[in-house]
Amino acid sequence: MINVIASIRVKPGNVPAFLKAFKANVPNVLKEQGCIEYVPAVDVATGLPPQVLDANIVTILEKWESLDALLAHLKAPHMATYREAVRDLVAGPSSIKVLQEA
């Protein structure tokens, strides 16, 4: 299994619009072969150190059956449409981690 943690920096004031576009694409992604989980998440204040809150970061939590499934996802036509829809909302990726169980 492949886990992806992708943090996306959204331009200030655009998180609601970004989430709307992202969530509209989730059903398409969940239909992809090998997709187990695909959800957006935002920071929640906990007071736990060393947490650093950032209201302009949306973190995408993904689970895929295989690396091949993840790579196919990146090439899916609906992902190109999604990237175009959010292009003006996104300031850029903050980080991406692609992980497998140890």
C-alpha atoms as a PDB file:
ATOM      1  CA  MET A   1       0.000   0.000   0.000  1.00  0.00           C
ATOM      2  CA  ILE A   2       1.152   3.531  -0.813  1.00  0.00           C
ATOM      3  CA  ASN A   3       0.277   6.501   1.401  1.00  0.00           C
ATOM      4  CA  VAL A   4       0.537  10.072   0.190  1.00  0.00           C
ATOM      5  CA  ILE A   5       0.551  13.180   2.353  1.00  0.00           C
ATOM      6  CA  ALA A   6       0.489  16.222   0.086  1.00  0.00           C
ATOM      7  CA  SER A   7       0.288  19.695   1.574  1.00  0.00           C
ATOM      8  CA  ILE A   8      -0.865  22.392  -0.823  1.00  0.00           C
ATOM      9  CA  ARG A   9      -0.402  26.091  -0.171  1.00  0.00           C
ATOM     10  CA  VAL A  10      -3.558  27.936  -1.183  1.00  0.00           C
ATOM     11  CA  LYS A  11      -3.597  31.668  -1.822  1.00  0.00           C
ATOM     12  CA  PRO A  12      -5.014  33.595   1.166  1.00  0.00           C
ATOM     13  CA  GLY A  13      -8.800  33.750   1.148  1.00  0.00           C
ATOM     14  CA  ASN A  14      -9.143  30.933  -1.393  1.00  0.00           C
ATOM     15  CA  VAL A  15      -9.351  27.841   0.827  1.00  0.00           C
ATOM     16  CA  PRO A  16     -13.183  27.547   0.584  1.00  0.00           C
ATOM     17  CA  ALA A  17     -13.088  27.746  -3.231  1.00  0.00           C
ATOM     18  CA  PHE A  18     -10.183  25.291  -3.371  1.00  0.00           C
ATOM     19  CA  LEU A  19     -12.004  22.803  -1.135  1.00  0.00           C
ATOM     20  CA  LYS A  20     -15.166  23.090  -3.250  1.00  0.00           C
ATOM     21  CA  ALA A  21     -13.219  22.260  -6.431  1.00  0.00           C
ATOM     22  CA  PHE A  22     -11.267  19.497  -4.706  1.00  0.00           C
ATOM     23  CA  LYS A  23     -14.361  17.841  -3.229  1.00  0.00           C
ATOM     24  CA  ALA A  24     -16.112  17.989  -6.610  1.00  0.00           C
ATOM     25  CA  ASN A  25     -13.308  15.808  -8.003  1.00  0.00           C
ATOM     26  CA  VAL A  26     -13.191  13.299  -5.119  1.00  0.00           C
ATOM     27  CA  PRO A  27     -15.891  10.975  -6.584  1.00  0.00           C
ATOM     28  CA  ASN A  28     -13.858  10.724  -9.813  1.00  0.00           C
ATOM     29  CA  VAL A  29     -10.711   9.816  -7.896  1.00  0.00           C
ATOM     30  CA  LEU A  30     -12.458   7.265  -5.696  1.00  0.00           C
ATOM     31  CA  LYS A  31     -13.620   5.466  -8.875  1.00  0.00           C
ATOM     32  CA  GLU A  32     -10.013   5.008 -10.008  1.00  0.00           C
ATOM     33  CA  GLN A  33      -8.579   1.514  -9.845  1.00  0.00           C
ATOM     34  CA  GLY A  34      -6.459   1.183  -6.720  1.00  0.00           C
ATOM     35  CA  CYS A  35      -7.758   4.217  -4.840  1.00  0.00           C
ATOM     36  CA  ILE A  36      -8.506   3.403  -1.212  1.00  0.00           C
ATOM     37  CA  GLU A  37      -8.774   6.871   0.333  1.00  0.00           C
ATOM     38  CA  TYR A  38      -8.606  10.463  -0.912  1.00  0.00           C
ATOM     39  CA  VAL A  39      -9.558  13.241   1.502  1.00  0.00           C
ATOM     40  CA  PRO A  40      -8.634  16.871   2.137  1.00  0.00           C
ATOM     41  CA  ALA A  41      -7.781  18.010   5.664  1.00  0.00           C
ATOM     42  CA  VAL A  42      -7.082  21.356   7.305  1.00  0.00           C
ATOM     43  CA  ASP A  43      -5.273  22.243  10.513  1.00  0.00           C
ATOM     44  CA  VAL A  44      -7.142  22.050  13.787  1.00  0.00           C
ATOM     45  CA  ALA A  45      -5.819  23.892  16.828  1.00  0.00           C
ATOM     46  CA  THR A  46      -4.812  21.431  19.527  1.00  0.00           C
ATOM     47  CA  GLY A  47      -2.215  23.277  21.566  1.00  0.00           C
ATOM     48  CA  LEU A  48       0.114  20.316  21.066  1.00  0.00           C
ATOM     49  CA  PRO A  49       3.731  21.234  20.448  1.00  0.00           C
ATOM     50  CA  PRO A  50       5.365  21.364  17.933  1.00  0.00           C
ATOM     51  CA  GLN A  51       2.231  21.913  15.846  1.00  0.00           C
ATOM     52  CA  VAL A  52       2.391  24.930  13.547  1.00  0.00           C
ATOM     53  CA  LEU A  53      -0.999  26.061  12.260  1.00  0.00           C
ATOM     54  CA  ASP A  54      -1.410  27.454   8.761  1.00  0.00           C
ATOM     55  CA  ALA A  55      -4.890  28.414   7.566  1.00  0.00           C
ATOM     56  CA  ASN A  56      -3.685  28.458   3.951  1.00  0.00           C
ATOM     57  CA  ILE A  57      -2.508  24.833   3.817  1.00  0.00           C
ATOM     58  CA  VAL A  58      -4.771  22.002   2.712  1.00  0.00           C
ATOM     59  CA  THR A  59      -3.302  18.553   3.283  1.00  0.00           C
ATOM     60  CA  ILE A  60      -4.451  15.724   1.060  1.00  0.00           C
ATOM     61  CA  LEU A  61      -4.425  12.248   2.624  1.00  0.00           C
ATOM     62  CA  GLU A  62      -4.322   9.464   0.046  1.00  0.00           C
ATOM     63  CA  LYS A  63      -4.078   5.680   0.106  1.00  0.00           C
ATOM     64  CA  TRP A  64      -3.392   3.635  -3.004  1.00  0.00           C
ATOM     65  CA  GLU A  65      -3.100  -0.102  -3.549  1.00  0.00           C
ATOM     66  CA  SER A  66       0.177   0.369  -5.436  1.00  0.00           C
ATOM     67  CA  LEU A  67       2.615   2.886  -6.832  1.00  0.00           C
ATOM     68  CA  ASP A  68       1.309   2.065 -10.329  1.00  0.00           C
ATOM     69  CA  ALA A  69      -2.206   3.084  -9.212  1.00  0.00           C
ATOM     70  CA  LEU A  70      -0.862   6.391  -7.878  1.00  0.00           C
ATOM     71  CA  LEU A  71       1.057   7.092 -11.075  1.00  0.00           C
ATOM     72  CA  ALA A  72      -2.035   6.320 -13.189  1.00  0.00           C
ATOM     73  CA  HIS A  73      -4.021   8.724 -10.987  1.00  0.00           C
ATOM     74  CA  LEU A  74      -1.645  11.557 -11.810  1.00  0.00           C
ATOM     75  CA  LYS A  75      -2.285  11.018 -15.540  1.00  0.00           C
ATOM     76  CA  ALA A  76      -6.090  10.700 -15.285  1.00  0.00           C
ATOM     77  CA  PRO A  77      -8.011  13.179 -17.485  1.00  0.00           C
ATOM     78  CA  HIS A  78     -10.128  14.396 -14.561  1.00  0.00           C
ATOM     79  CA  MET A  79      -6.931  15.347 -12.717  1.00  0.00           C
ATOM     80  CA  ALA A  80      -5.914  17.629 -15.585  1.00  0.00           C
ATOM     81  CA  THR A  81      -9.360  19.249 -15.403  1.00  0.00           C
ATOM     82  CA  TYR A  82      -9.037  19.619 -11.615  1.00  0.00           C
ATOM     83  CA  ARG A  83      -5.539  21.150 -11.865  1.00  0.00           C
ATOM     84  CA  GLU A  84      -6.870  23.715 -14.323  1.00  0.00           C
ATOM     85  CA  ALA A  85      -9.823  24.494 -12.028  1.00  0.00           C
ATOM     86  CA  VAL A  86      -7.572  25.251  -9.038  1.00  0.00           C
ATOM     87  CA  ARG A  87      -4.622  26.779 -10.896  1.00  0.00           C
ATOM     88  CA  ASP A  88      -5.421  30.360  -9.851  1.00  0.00           C
ATOM     89  CA  LEU A  89      -6.254  29.338  -6.265  1.00  0.00           C
ATOM     90  CA  VAL A  90      -2.995  27.580  -5.474  1.00  0.00           C
ATOM     91  CA  ALA A  91       0.224  29.300  -4.433  1.00  0.00           C
ATOM     92  CA  GLY A  92       2.149  26.045  -4.834  1.00  0.00           C
ATOM     93  CA  PRO A  93       2.864  22.736  -3.173  1.00  0.00           C
ATOM     94  CA  SER A  94       4.317  22.964   0.304  1.00  0.00           C
ATOM     95  CA  SER A  95       5.383  19.340   0.569  1.00  0.00           C
ATOM     96  CA  ILE A  96       4.639  15.844  -0.596  1.00  0.00           C
ATOM     97  CA  LYS A  97       5.459  12.553   1.074  1.00  0.00           C
ATOM     98  CA  VAL A  98       4.959   9.241  -0.717  1.00  0.00           C
ATOM     99  CA  LEU A  99       5.269   6.443   1.809  1.00  0.00           C
ATOM    100  CA  GLN A 100       4.968   2.711   2.110  1.00  0.00           C
ATOM    101  CA  GLU A 101       4.467   0.709   5.249  1.00  0.00           C
ATOM    102  CA  ALA A 102       7.754  -0.256   6.892  1.00  0.00           C
END
